[in-house]
PDB file of N, CA and C in Angstrom:
ATOM      1  N   MET A   1      66.243  83.338 -16.820  1.00  0.00           N
ATOM      2  CA  MET A   1      64.805  83.791 -16.777  1.00  0.00           C
ATOM      3  C   MET A   1      64.283  83.436 -18.164  1.00  0.00           C
ATOM      4  N   ALA A   2      62.814  82.423 -18.230  1.00  0.00           N
ATOM      5  CA  ALA A   2      62.638  81.962 -19.552  1.00  0.00           C
ATOM      6  C   ALA A   2      61.732  82.808 -20.200  1.00  0.00           C
ATOM      7  N   ASN A   3      61.604  82.798 -21.901  1.00  0.00           N
ATOM      8  CA  ASN A   3      60.962  84.032 -22.338  1.00  0.00           C
ATOM      9  C   ASN A   3      59.405  83.506 -22.300  1.00  0.00           C
ATOM     10  N   VAL A   4      58.260  84.235 -21.858  1.00  0.00           N
ATOM     11  CA  VAL A   4      56.898  83.733 -21.834  1.00  0.00           C
ATOM     12  C   VAL A   4      56.152  84.235 -23.040  1.00  0.00           C
ATOM     13  N   LEU A   5      56.994  84.953 -23.965  1.00  0.00           N
ATOM     14  CA  LEU A   5      56.481  85.694 -25.428  1.00  0.00           C
ATOM     15  C   LEU A   5      57.805  85.937 -26.004  1.00  0.00           C
ATOM     16  N   GLU A   6      57.837  85.063 -27.115  1.00  0.00           N
ATOM     17  CA  GLU A   6      58.747  85.798 -28.336  1.00  0.00           C
ATOM     18  C   GLU A   6      58.448  85.672 -29.545  1.00  0.00           C
ATOM     19  N   LEU A   7      58.854  86.626 -30.384  1.00  0.00           N
ATOM     20  CA  LEU A   7      58.635  87.199 -31.935  1.00  0.00           C
ATOM     21  C   LEU A   7      59.622  86.820 -32.208  1.00  0.00           C
ATOM     22  N   GLN A   8      59.692  86.249 -33.366  1.00  0.00           N
ATOM     23  CA  GLN A   8      60.948  85.796 -34.257  1.00  0.00           C
ATOM     24  C   GLN A   8      60.686  86.439 -35.748  1.00  0.00           C
ATOM     25  N   ASN A   9      61.719  87.599 -36.495  1.00  0.00           N
ATOM     26  CA  ASN A   9      61.160  87.762 -37.593  1.00  0.00           C
ATOM     27  C   ASN A   9      59.502  88.188 -38.112  1.00  0.00           C
ATOM     28  N   VAL A  10      58.882  88.678 -37.389  1.00  0.00           N
ATOM     29  CA  VAL A  10      57.539  88.775 -37.674  1.00  0.00           C
ATOM     30  C   VAL A  10      57.205  89.815 -38.721  1.00  0.00           C
ATOM     31  N   ARG A  11      56.535  89.519 -39.562  1.00  0.00           N
ATOM     32  CA  ARG A  11      56.522  90.497 -40.923  1.00  0.00           C
ATOM     33  C   ARG A  11      54.880  90.310 -40.939  1.00  0.00           C
ATOM     34  N   LYS A  12      54.252  91.985 -41.152  1.00  0.00           N
ATOM     35  CA  LYS A  12      52.964  91.725 -41.451  1.00  0.00           C
ATOM     36  C   LYS A  12      52.618  93.212 -42.471  1.00  0.00           C
ATOM     37  N   ALA A  13      51.864  93.045 -43.507  1.00  0.00           N
ATOM     38  CA  ALA A  13      51.528  93.997 -43.972  1.00  0.00           C
ATOM     39  C   ALA A  13      50.264  94.090 -44.813  1.00  0.00           C
ATOM     40  N   PHE A  14      49.608  95.043 -44.693  1.00  0.00           N
ATOM     41  CA  PHE A  14      48.087  95.297 -45.413  1.00  0.00           C
ATOM     42  C   PHE A  14      48.536  95.578 -46.737  1.00  0.00           C
ATOM     43  N   GLY A  15      48.578  94.700 -47.694  1.00  0.00           N
ATOM     44  CA  GLY A  15      48.469  95.337 -49.220  1.00  0.00           C
ATOM     45  C   GLY A  15      50.081  95.518 -49.611  1.00  0.00           C
ATOM     46  N   ALA A  16      50.560  96.752 -50.007  1.00  0.00           N
ATOM     47  CA  ALA A  16      51.855  97.161 -50.390  1.00  0.00           C
ATOM     48  C   ALA A  16      52.004  97.929 -49.173  1.00  0.00           C
ATOM     49  N   GLU A  17      51.505  98.409 -47.687  1.00  0.00           N
ATOM     50  CA  GLU A  17      51.958  98.710 -46.694  1.00  0.00           C
ATOM     51  C   GLU A  17      52.571  97.905 -45.474  1.00  0.00           C
ATOM     52  N   VAL A  18      53.484  97.623 -45.571  1.00  0.00           N
ATOM     53  CA  VAL A  18      54.568  96.974 -44.465  1.00  0.00           C
ATOM     54  C   VAL A  18      54.327  97.534 -43.014  1.00  0.00           C
ATOM     55  N   VAL A  19      53.774  97.005 -42.139  1.00  0.00           N
ATOM     56  CA  VAL A  19      53.338  97.640 -40.929  1.00  0.00           C
ATOM     57  C   VAL A  19      54.683  96.813 -39.748  1.00  0.00           C
ATOM     58  N   LEU A  20      54.820  95.529 -40.008  1.00  0.00           N
ATOM     59  CA  LEU A  20      55.800  94.786 -39.069  1.00  0.00           C
ATOM     60  C   LEU A  20      56.896  94.456 -39.966  1.00  0.00           C
ATOM     61  N   ASN A  21      58.046  94.681 -39.967  1.00  0.00           N
ATOM     62  CA  ASN A  21      59.239  93.955 -40.935  1.00  0.00           C
ATOM     63  C   ASN A  21      60.157  93.186 -39.981  1.00  0.00           C
ATOM     64  N   ASN A  22      60.350  92.326 -39.903  1.00  0.00           N
ATOM     65  CA  ASN A  22      61.187  91.602 -39.641  1.00  0.00           C
ATOM     66  C   ASN A  22      61.460  91.736 -38.019  1.00  0.00           C
ATOM     67  N   LEU A  23      60.509  91.956 -37.378  1.00  0.00           N
ATOM     68  CA  LEU A  23      60.221  92.144 -35.863  1.00  0.00           C
ATOM     69  C   LEU A  23      60.220  91.049 -34.790  1.00  0.00           C
ATOM     70  N   SER A  24      61.531  91.191 -34.100  1.00  0.00           N
ATOM     71  CA  SER A  24      61.858  89.966 -33.009  1.00  0.00           C
ATOM     72  C   SER A  24      61.710  90.745 -31.643  1.00  0.00           C
ATOM     73  N   LEU A  25      61.336  90.206 -30.637  1.00  0.00           N
ATOM     74  CA  LEU A  25      61.051  90.531 -29.314  1.00  0.00           C
ATOM     75  C   LEU A  25      60.939  89.574 -28.280  1.00  0.00           C
ATOM     76  N   GLN A  26      61.440  89.509 -27.260  1.00  0.00           N
ATOM     77  CA  GLN A  26      61.401  88.449 -26.169  1.00  0.00           C
ATOM     78  C   GLN A  26      61.206  89.047 -25.241  1.00  0.00           C
ATOM     79  N   VAL A  27      60.205  88.644 -24.083  1.00  0.00           N
ATOM     80  CA  VAL A  27      59.433  88.991 -23.305  1.00  0.00           C
ATOM     81  C   VAL A  27      59.633  87.928 -22.229  1.00  0.00           C
ATOM     82  N   PRO A  28      60.583  88.360 -20.988  1.00  0.00           N
ATOM     83  CA  PRO A  28      60.804  87.261 -19.964  1.00  0.00           C
ATOM     84  C   PRO A  28      59.394  87.357 -19.034  1.00  0.00           C
ATOM     85  N   GLU A  29      59.509  85.906 -18.261  1.00  0.00           N
ATOM     86  CA  GLU A  29      58.341  85.599 -17.624  1.00  0.00           C
ATOM     87  C   GLU A  29      58.610  86.679 -16.737  1.00  0.00           C
ATOM     88  N   HIS A  30      57.583  86.903 -16.121  1.00  0.00           N
ATOM     89  CA  HIS A  30      57.411  88.021 -14.764  1.00  0.00           C
ATOM     90  C   HIS A  30      57.868  89.159 -14.623  1.00  0.00           C
ATOM     91  N   THR A  31      57.494  90.053 -16.285  1.00  0.00           N
ATOM     92  CA  THR A  31      57.809  91.316 -16.466  1.00  0.00           C
ATOM     93  C   THR A  31      56.677  91.730 -16.675  1.00  0.00           C
ATOM     94  N   ALA A  32      56.135  92.960 -17.227  1.00  0.00           N
ATOM     95  CA  ALA A  32      55.413  93.765 -17.647  1.00  0.00           C
ATOM     96  C   ALA A  32      55.988  94.756 -18.861  1.00  0.00           C
ATOM     97  N   THR A  33      55.596  94.280 -19.966  1.00  0.00           N
ATOM     98  CA  THR A  33      56.275  95.397 -21.098  1.00  0.00           C
ATOM     99  C   THR A  33      55.076  96.471 -21.545  1.00  0.00           C
ATOM    100  N   VAL A  34      55.759  97.301 -22.054  1.00  0.00           N
ATOM    101  CA  VAL A  34      54.814  98.739 -22.427  1.00  0.00           C
ATOM    102  C   VAL A  34      55.404  98.751 -23.832  1.00  0.00           C
ATOM    103  N   LEU A  35      54.134  99.323 -24.943  1.00  0.00           N
ATOM    104  CA  LEU A  35      54.510  99.370 -26.354  1.00  0.00           C
ATOM    105  C   LEU A  35      54.335 101.201 -26.481  1.00  0.00           C
ATOM    106  N   ILE A  36      54.983 101.712 -26.682  1.00  0.00           N
ATOM    107  CA  ILE A  36      55.325 103.233 -26.934  1.00  0.00           C
ATOM    108  C   ILE A  36      55.450 103.675 -27.819  1.00  0.00           C
ATOM    109  N   GLY A  37      54.927 104.290 -28.768  1.00  0.00           N
ATOM    110  CA  GLY A  37      55.633 104.698 -30.179  1.00  0.00           C
ATOM    111  C   GLY A  37      54.005 105.763 -30.990  1.00  0.00           C
ATOM    112  N   ALA A  38      54.579 106.250 -31.696  1.00  0.00           N
ATOM    113  CA  ALA A  38      53.727 107.097 -32.429  1.00  0.00           C
ATOM    114  C   ALA A  38      52.516 106.620 -33.040  1.00  0.00           C
ATOM    115  N   SER A  39      51.645 107.729 -33.379  1.00  0.00           N
ATOM    116  CA  SER A  39      50.203 106.729 -34.057  1.00  0.00           C
ATOM    117  C   SER A  39      50.964 106.125 -35.173  1.00  0.00           C
ATOM    118  N   GLY A  40      49.869 105.173 -35.482  1.00  0.00           N
ATOM    119  CA  GLY A  40      50.224 104.381 -36.827  1.00  0.00           C
ATOM    120  C   GLY A  40      51.950 103.684 -36.816  1.00  0.00           C
ATOM    121  N   SER A  41      52.283 103.313 -35.995  1.00  0.00           N
ATOM    122  CA  SER A  41      53.879 102.677 -36.443  1.00  0.00           C
ATOM    123  C   SER A  41      53.678 101.280 -35.853  1.00  0.00           C
ATOM    124  N   GLY A  42      52.302 100.980 -35.840  1.00  0.00           N
ATOM    125  CA  GLY A  42      52.201  99.260 -35.709  1.00  0.00           C
ATOM    126  C   GLY A  42      51.967  98.591 -34.233  1.00  0.00           C
ATOM    127  N   LYS A  43      52.030  99.671 -33.452  1.00  0.00           N
ATOM    128  CA  LYS A  43      51.819  98.927 -32.043  1.00  0.00           C
ATOM    129  C   LYS A  43      50.549  98.538 -31.952  1.00  0.00           C
ATOM    130  N   SER A  44      49.193  98.863 -32.173  1.00  0.00           N
ATOM    131  CA  SER A  44      48.061  97.725 -32.139  1.00  0.00           C
ATOM    132  C   SER A  44      48.081  96.561 -33.075  1.00  0.00           C
ATOM    133  N   THR A  45      48.711  96.577 -34.277  1.00  0.00           N
ATOM    134  CA  THR A  45      48.813  95.540 -34.951  1.00  0.00           C
ATOM    135  C   THR A  45      49.373  94.540 -34.655  1.00  0.00           C
ATOM    136  N   LEU A  46      50.824  94.997 -33.727  1.00  0.00           N
ATOM    137  CA  LEU A  46      51.402  93.844 -32.971  1.00  0.00           C
ATOM    138  C   LEU A  46      50.905  93.593 -32.137  1.00  0.00           C
ATOM    139  N   LEU A  47      49.848  94.058 -31.393  1.00  0.00           N
ATOM    140  CA  LEU A  47      49.063  93.324 -30.249  1.00  0.00           C
ATOM    141  C   LEU A  47      47.849  92.310 -30.971  1.00  0.00           C
ATOM    142  N   ARG A  48      47.395  92.924 -31.764  1.00  0.00           N
ATOM    143  CA  ARG A  48      46.374  92.066 -32.721  1.00  0.00           C
ATOM    144  C   ARG A  48      46.850  90.659 -33.300  1.00  0.00           C
ATOM    145  N   CYS A  49      48.359  90.903 -33.609  1.00  0.00           N
ATOM    146  CA  CYS A  49      49.056  89.694 -34.221  1.00  0.00           C
ATOM    147  C   CYS A  49      49.386  88.629 -32.959  1.00  0.00           C
ATOM    148  N   ILE A  50      49.856  89.184 -31.842  1.00  0.00           N
ATOM    149  CA  ILE A  50      50.194  88.635 -30.645  1.00  0.00           C
ATOM    150  C   ILE A  50      48.709  87.515 -30.229  1.00  0.00           C
ATOM    151  N   ASN A  51      47.629  88.451 -30.109  1.00  0.00           N
ATOM    152  CA  ASN A  51      46.354  87.246 -29.912  1.00  0.00           C
ATOM    153  C   ASN A  51      45.793  86.893 -30.475  1.00  0.00           C
ATOM    154  N   LEU A  52      46.191  86.817 -32.263  1.00  0.00           N
ATOM    155  CA  LEU A  52      45.572  86.277 -32.968  1.00  0.00           C
ATOM    156  C   LEU A  52      44.749  86.793 -33.615  1.00  0.00           C
ATOM    157  N   LEU A  53      44.270  88.014 -33.354  1.00  0.00           N
ATOM    158  CA  LEU A  53      43.305  88.492 -34.143  1.00  0.00           C
ATOM    159  C   LEU A  53      43.385  88.920 -35.542  1.00  0.00           C
ATOM    160  N   GLU A  54      44.821  89.265 -36.423  1.00  0.00           N
ATOM    161  CA  GLU A  54      45.569  89.162 -36.949  1.00  0.00           C
ATOM    162  C   GLU A  54      45.987  88.378 -37.491  1.00  0.00           C
ATOM    163  N   THR A  55      46.236  87.832 -38.667  1.00  0.00           N
ATOM    164  CA  THR A  55      47.524  86.487 -38.824  1.00  0.00           C
ATOM    165  C   THR A  55      48.726  87.397 -39.540  1.00  0.00           C
ATOM    166  N   ILE A  56      50.026  86.892 -39.382  1.00  0.00           N
ATOM    167  CA  ILE A  56      51.222  87.618 -39.522  1.00  0.00           C
ATOM    168  C   ILE A  56      51.661  86.787 -40.926  1.00  0.00           C
ATOM    169  N   ASP A  57      52.255  87.474 -41.756  1.00  0.00           N
ATOM    170  CA  ASP A  57      52.714  87.234 -43.239  1.00  0.00           C
ATOM    171  C   ASP A  57      53.864  86.186 -43.021  1.00  0.00           C
ATOM    172  N   ASP A  58      54.943  86.267 -42.534  1.00  0.00           N
ATOM    173  CA  ASP A  58      56.045  85.483 -42.039  1.00  0.00           C
ATOM    174  C   ASP A  58      56.657  85.676 -40.571  1.00  0.00           C
ATOM    175  N   GLY A  59      57.219  84.556 -40.394  1.00  0.00           N
ATOM    176  CA  GLY A  59      58.026  84.479 -38.787  1.00  0.00           C
ATOM    177  C   GLY A  59      57.203  83.630 -38.253  1.00  0.00           C
ATOM    178  N   GLN A  60      57.880  84.218 -36.620  1.00  0.00           N
ATOM    179  CA  GLN A  60      57.093  82.877 -35.530  1.00  0.00           C
ATOM    180  C   GLN A  60      56.616  83.718 -34.239  1.00  0.00           C
ATOM    181  N   ILE A  61      55.589  83.254 -33.967  1.00  0.00           N
ATOM    182  CA  ILE A  61      55.202  83.945 -32.212  1.00  0.00           C
ATOM    183  C   ILE A  61      55.076  82.690 -31.364  1.00  0.00           C
ATOM    184  N   LEU A  62      56.020  82.739 -30.170  1.00  0.00           N
ATOM    185  CA  LEU A  62      55.817  81.674 -29.666  1.00  0.00           C
ATOM    186  C   LEU A  62      55.788  82.175 -28.008  1.00  0.00           C
ATOM    187  N   LEU A  63      54.390  81.304 -27.559  1.00  0.00           N
ATOM    188  CA  LEU A  63      53.952  81.697 -26.138  1.00  0.00           C
ATOM    189  C   LEU A  63      54.229  80.548 -25.087  1.00  0.00           C
ATOM    190  N   ASP A  64      55.036  80.694 -24.243  1.00  0.00           N
ATOM    191  CA  ASP A  64      55.635  79.569 -23.416  1.00  0.00           C
ATOM    192  C   ASP A  64      55.988  78.503 -24.437  1.00  0.00           C
ATOM    193  N   GLY A  65      57.229  78.925 -25.353  1.00  0.00           N
ATOM    194  CA  GLY A  65      58.024  77.793 -25.857  1.00  0.00           C
ATOM    195  C   GLY A  65      57.071  77.157 -27.457  1.00  0.00           C
ATOM    196  N   GLN A  66      56.015  77.496 -26.851  1.00  0.00           N
ATOM    197  CA  GLN A  66      54.968  77.001 -28.153  1.00  0.00           C
ATOM    198  C   GLN A  66      54.814  77.594 -29.202  1.00  0.00           C
ATOM    199  N   GLU A  67      54.625  77.202 -30.821  1.00  0.00           N
ATOM    200  CA  GLU A  67      54.575  78.215 -31.811  1.00  0.00           C
ATOM    201  C   GLU A  67      52.956  78.357 -31.830  1.00  0.00           C
ATOM    202  N   ILE A  68      52.664  79.786 -31.825  1.00  0.00           N
ATOM    203  CA  ILE A  68      51.192  79.941 -31.828  1.00  0.00           C
ATOM    204  C   ILE A  68      50.912  80.171 -33.096  1.00  0.00           C
ATOM    205  N   THR A  69      51.559  80.294 -34.026  1.00  0.00           N
ATOM    206  CA  THR A  69      51.115  80.583 -35.459  1.00  0.00           C
ATOM    207  C   THR A  69      50.588  79.574 -36.225  1.00  0.00           C
ATOM    208  N   ASP A  70      51.164  78.293 -35.788  1.00  0.00           N
ATOM    209  CA  ASP A  70      50.648  76.900 -36.317  1.00  0.00           C
ATOM    210  C   ASP A  70      48.830  77.124 -36.679  1.00  0.00           C
ATOM    211  N   PRO A  71      48.429  76.933 -38.042  1.00  0.00           N
ATOM    212  CA  PRO A  71      47.337  76.951 -38.114  1.00  0.00           C
ATOM    213  C   PRO A  71      46.092  76.117 -37.319  1.00  0.00           C
ATOM    214  N   ALA A  72      47.291  75.011 -36.886  1.00  0.00           N
ATOM    215  CA  ALA A  72      46.248  73.637 -35.922  1.00  0.00           C
ATOM    216  C   ALA A  72      45.972  74.187 -34.547  1.00  0.00           C
ATOM    217  N   ILE A  73      46.401  75.593 -34.389  1.00  0.00           N
ATOM    218  CA  ILE A  73      46.530  75.582 -32.605  1.00  0.00           C
ATOM    219  C   ILE A  73      45.334  76.525 -32.394  1.00  0.00           C
ATOM    220  N   LYS A  74      44.910  75.601 -31.082  1.00  0.00           N
ATOM    221  CA  LYS A  74      43.357  76.370 -30.560  1.00  0.00           C
ATOM    222  C   LYS A  74      43.485  77.730 -30.194  1.00  0.00           C
ATOM    223  N   VAL A  75      42.645  78.519 -30.809  1.00  0.00           N
ATOM    224  CA  VAL A  75      42.988  79.938 -30.663  1.00  0.00           C
ATOM    225  C   VAL A  75      42.723  80.312 -29.142  1.00  0.00           C
ATOM    226  N   ASP A  76      41.423  80.030 -28.560  1.00  0.00           N
ATOM    227  CA  ASP A  76      40.717  79.919 -27.632  1.00  0.00           C
ATOM    228  C   ASP A  76      42.039  79.713 -26.720  1.00  0.00           C
ATOM    229  N   ASP A  77      42.787  78.491 -26.305  1.00  0.00           N
ATOM    230  CA  ASP A  77      43.701  78.381 -25.418  1.00  0.00           C
ATOM    231  C   ASP A  77      44.888  79.402 -25.411  1.00  0.00           C
ATOM    232  N   VAL A  78      45.313  80.043 -26.543  1.00  0.00           N
ATOM    233  CA  VAL A  78      46.031  80.723 -26.408  1.00  0.00           C
ATOM    234  C   VAL A  78      45.788  82.346 -25.947  1.00  0.00           C
ATOM    235  N   ARG A  79      44.672  82.602 -26.075  1.00  0.00           N
ATOM    236  CA  ARG A  79      43.782  83.935 -25.730  1.00  0.00           C
ATOM    237  C   ARG A  79      43.508  83.831 -24.130  1.00  0.00           C
ATOM    238  N   ARG A  80      43.501  82.491 -23.598  1.00  0.00           N
ATOM    239  CA  ARG A  80      43.394  82.108 -21.846  1.00  0.00           C
ATOM    240  C   ARG A  80      44.598  82.471 -21.557  1.00  0.00           C
ATOM    241  N   LYS A  81      46.040  82.480 -21.808  1.00  0.00           N
ATOM    242  CA  LYS A  81      46.924  82.756 -21.644  1.00  0.00           C
ATOM    243  C   LYS A  81      47.447  84.325 -21.637  1.00  0.00           C
ATOM    244  N   LEU A  82      46.593  84.928 -22.067  1.00  0.00           N
ATOM    245  CA  LEU A  82      47.372  86.208 -22.984  1.00  0.00           C
ATOM    246  C   LEU A  82      46.661  87.545 -22.392  1.00  0.00           C
ATOM    247  N   GLY A  83      46.828  88.571 -22.125  1.00  0.00           N
ATOM    248  CA  GLY A  83      46.261  89.611 -21.122  1.00  0.00           C
ATOM    249  C   GLY A  83      46.446  90.955 -21.773  1.00  0.00           C
ATOM    250  N   MET A  84      45.808  91.695 -22.462  1.00  0.00           N
ATOM    251  CA  MET A  84      46.490  92.994 -23.237  1.00  0.00           C
ATOM    252  C   MET A  84      45.285  93.906 -22.824  1.00  0.00           C
ATOM    253  N   VAL A  85      45.679  94.904 -22.721  1.00  0.00           N
ATOM    254  CA  VAL A  85      44.668  96.311 -22.649  1.00  0.00           C
ATOM    255  C   VAL A  85      45.143  97.437 -23.561  1.00  0.00           C
ATOM    256  N   PHE A  86      43.980  97.719 -24.109  1.00  0.00           N
ATOM    257  CA  PHE A  86      44.143  98.531 -25.103  1.00  0.00           C
ATOM    258  C   PHE A  86      43.489  99.829 -24.702  1.00  0.00           C
ATOM    259  N   GLN A  87      44.124 100.946 -25.014  1.00  0.00           N
ATOM    260  CA  GLN A  87      44.068 102.352 -24.605  1.00  0.00           C
ATOM    261  C   GLN A  87      42.656 102.982 -25.452  1.00  0.00           C
ATOM    262  N   SER A  88      41.418 103.247 -24.577  1.00  0.00           N
ATOM    263  CA  SER A  88      40.306 103.709 -24.798  1.00  0.00           C
ATOM    264  C   SER A  88      39.296 102.897 -25.635  1.00  0.00           C
ATOM    265  N   PHE A  89      39.142 101.579 -24.962  1.00  0.00           N
ATOM    266  CA  PHE A  89      38.928  99.955 -25.430  1.00  0.00           C
ATOM    267  C   PHE A  89      37.459  99.857 -24.695  1.00  0.00           C
ATOM    268  N   ASN A  90      36.745 101.083 -24.843  1.00  0.00           N
ATOM    269  CA  ASN A  90      35.513 100.900 -24.497  1.00  0.00           C
ATOM    270  C   ASN A  90      34.999 100.177 -23.119  1.00  0.00           C
ATOM    271  N   LEU A  91      35.812 100.653 -22.064  1.00  0.00           N
ATOM    272  CA  LEU A  91      35.651 100.145 -20.752  1.00  0.00           C
ATOM    273  C   LEU A  91      34.265 100.144 -20.452  1.00  0.00           C
ATOM    274  N   PHE A  92      33.770 100.172 -19.458  1.00  0.00           N
ATOM    275  CA  PHE A  92      32.487  99.922 -18.877  1.00  0.00           C
ATOM    276  C   PHE A  92      33.065 101.105 -17.561  1.00  0.00           C
ATOM    277  N   PRO A  93      31.937 101.994 -17.793  1.00  0.00           N
ATOM    278  CA  PRO A  93      32.336 103.711 -17.036  1.00  0.00           C
ATOM    279  C   PRO A  93      31.961 103.187 -15.667  1.00  0.00           C
ATOM    280  N   HIS A  94      30.856 102.061 -15.162  1.00  0.00           N
ATOM    281  CA  HIS A  94      30.152 101.949 -14.013  1.00  0.00           C
ATOM    282  C   HIS A  94      31.096 100.962 -13.199  1.00  0.00           C
ATOM    283  N   LYS A  95      32.451 100.264 -13.678  1.00  0.00           N
ATOM    284  CA  LYS A  95      33.341  99.447 -13.132  1.00  0.00           C
ATOM    285  C   LYS A  95      34.961 100.258 -12.705  1.00  0.00           C
ATOM    286  N   THR A  96      35.401  99.736 -11.588  1.00  0.00           N
ATOM    287  CA  THR A  96      36.801 100.352 -11.494  1.00  0.00           C
ATOM    288  C   THR A  96      37.781  99.712 -12.524  1.00  0.00           C
ATOM    289  N   VAL A  97      38.793 100.321 -12.439  1.00  0.00           N
ATOM    290  CA  VAL A  97      40.238  99.672 -13.491  1.00  0.00           C
ATOM    291  C   VAL A  97      39.919  98.224 -12.969  1.00  0.00           C
ATOM    292  N   LEU A  98      40.203  97.763 -11.933  1.00  0.00           N
ATOM    293  CA  LEU A  98      40.632  96.275 -11.596  1.00  0.00           C
ATOM    294  C   LEU A  98      39.575  95.522 -12.502  1.00  0.00           C
ATOM    295  N   GLU A  99      38.205  95.923 -12.200  1.00  0.00           N
ATOM    296  CA  GLU A  99      36.974  95.173 -12.417  1.00  0.00           C
ATOM    297  C   GLU A  99      36.811  95.205 -13.845  1.00  0.00           C
ATOM    298  N   ASN A 100      37.320  95.965 -14.472  1.00  0.00           N
ATOM    299  CA  ASN A 100      37.139  96.012 -16.320  1.00  0.00           C
ATOM    300  C   ASN A 100      38.513  95.323 -16.404  1.00  0.00           C
ATOM    301  N   ILE A 101      39.531  95.317 -16.270  1.00  0.00           N
ATOM    302  CA  ILE A 101      40.713  94.336 -16.534  1.00  0.00           C
ATOM    303  C   ILE A 101      40.354  92.854 -16.336  1.00  0.00           C
ATOM    304  N   THR A 102      39.780  92.484 -15.271  1.00  0.00           N
ATOM    305  CA  THR A 102      39.365  91.118 -14.866  1.00  0.00           C
ATOM    306  C   THR A 102      38.192  90.791 -15.129  1.00  0.00           C
ATOM    307  N   LEU A 103      37.586  91.469 -15.766  1.00  0.00           N
ATOM    308  CA  LEU A 103      36.210  90.955 -16.285  1.00  0.00           C
ATOM    309  C   LEU A 103      36.408  89.664 -17.511  1.00  0.00           C
ATOM    310  N   ALA A 104      36.655  89.666 -18.149  1.00  0.00           N
ATOM    311  CA  ALA A 104      37.185  88.824 -19.463  1.00  0.00           C
ATOM    312  C   ALA A 104      37.535  87.361 -18.764  1.00  0.00           C
ATOM    313  N   PRO A 105      38.977  87.474 -17.965  1.00  0.00           N
ATOM    314  CA  PRO A 105      39.320  86.340 -17.659  1.00  0.00           C
ATOM    315  C   PRO A 105      38.425  85.666 -16.612  1.00  0.00           C
ATOM    316  N   VAL A 106      37.797  86.353 -15.620  1.00  0.00           N
ATOM    317  CA  VAL A 106      36.550  85.747 -14.892  1.00  0.00           C
ATOM    318  C   VAL A 106      35.446  84.943 -15.629  1.00  0.00           C
ATOM    319  N   LYS A 107      34.906  85.672 -16.351  1.00  0.00           N
ATOM    320  CA  LYS A 107      34.093  85.476 -17.533  1.00  0.00           C
ATOM    321  C   LYS A 107      34.619  83.781 -18.396  1.00  0.00           C
ATOM    322  N   VAL A 108      35.758  83.997 -18.860  1.00  0.00           N
ATOM    323  CA  VAL A 108      35.867  82.959 -19.642  1.00  0.00           C
ATOM    324  C   VAL A 108      36.813  81.802 -18.782  1.00  0.00           C
ATOM    325  N   GLN A 109      36.960  81.805 -18.021  1.00  0.00           N
ATOM    326  CA  GLN A 109      38.014  81.055 -16.953  1.00  0.00           C
ATOM    327  C   GLN A 109      36.658  80.670 -15.812  1.00  0.00           C
ATOM    328  N   LYS A 110      35.778  81.174 -15.512  1.00  0.00           N
ATOM    329  CA  LYS A 110      34.807  80.998 -14.604  1.00  0.00           C
ATOM    330  C   LYS A 110      35.205  80.711 -13.154  1.00  0.00           C
ATOM    331  N   LYS A 111      36.397  81.924 -13.148  1.00  0.00           N
ATOM    332  CA  LYS A 111      36.957  81.943 -11.638  1.00  0.00           C
ATOM    333  C   LYS A 111      36.571  82.967 -10.968  1.00  0.00           C
TER     334      LYS A 111
END
């Protein structure tokens, strides 16, 4: 089974505070992956780096085998392929869970 997402030796720091240090991860296709950890352990930073909301200091992130940390990459194209749900991230209370998580892909991809 191929990896849909792969991180190789990813490092991210905010000033002197190293949040992700030499992190490697493989996510095989057709799987669901859950990040669990204590508050402040870097979960949200990792997701923000994968979704190109933060830049990494070192390492590589590959999506479907393509390096997405290349500065020439089209960020919008990458984000169309990724789906992430952040806990308590201002969901619409009048919508169901399914409507909340499908809203962005429906609006962006017009499907």
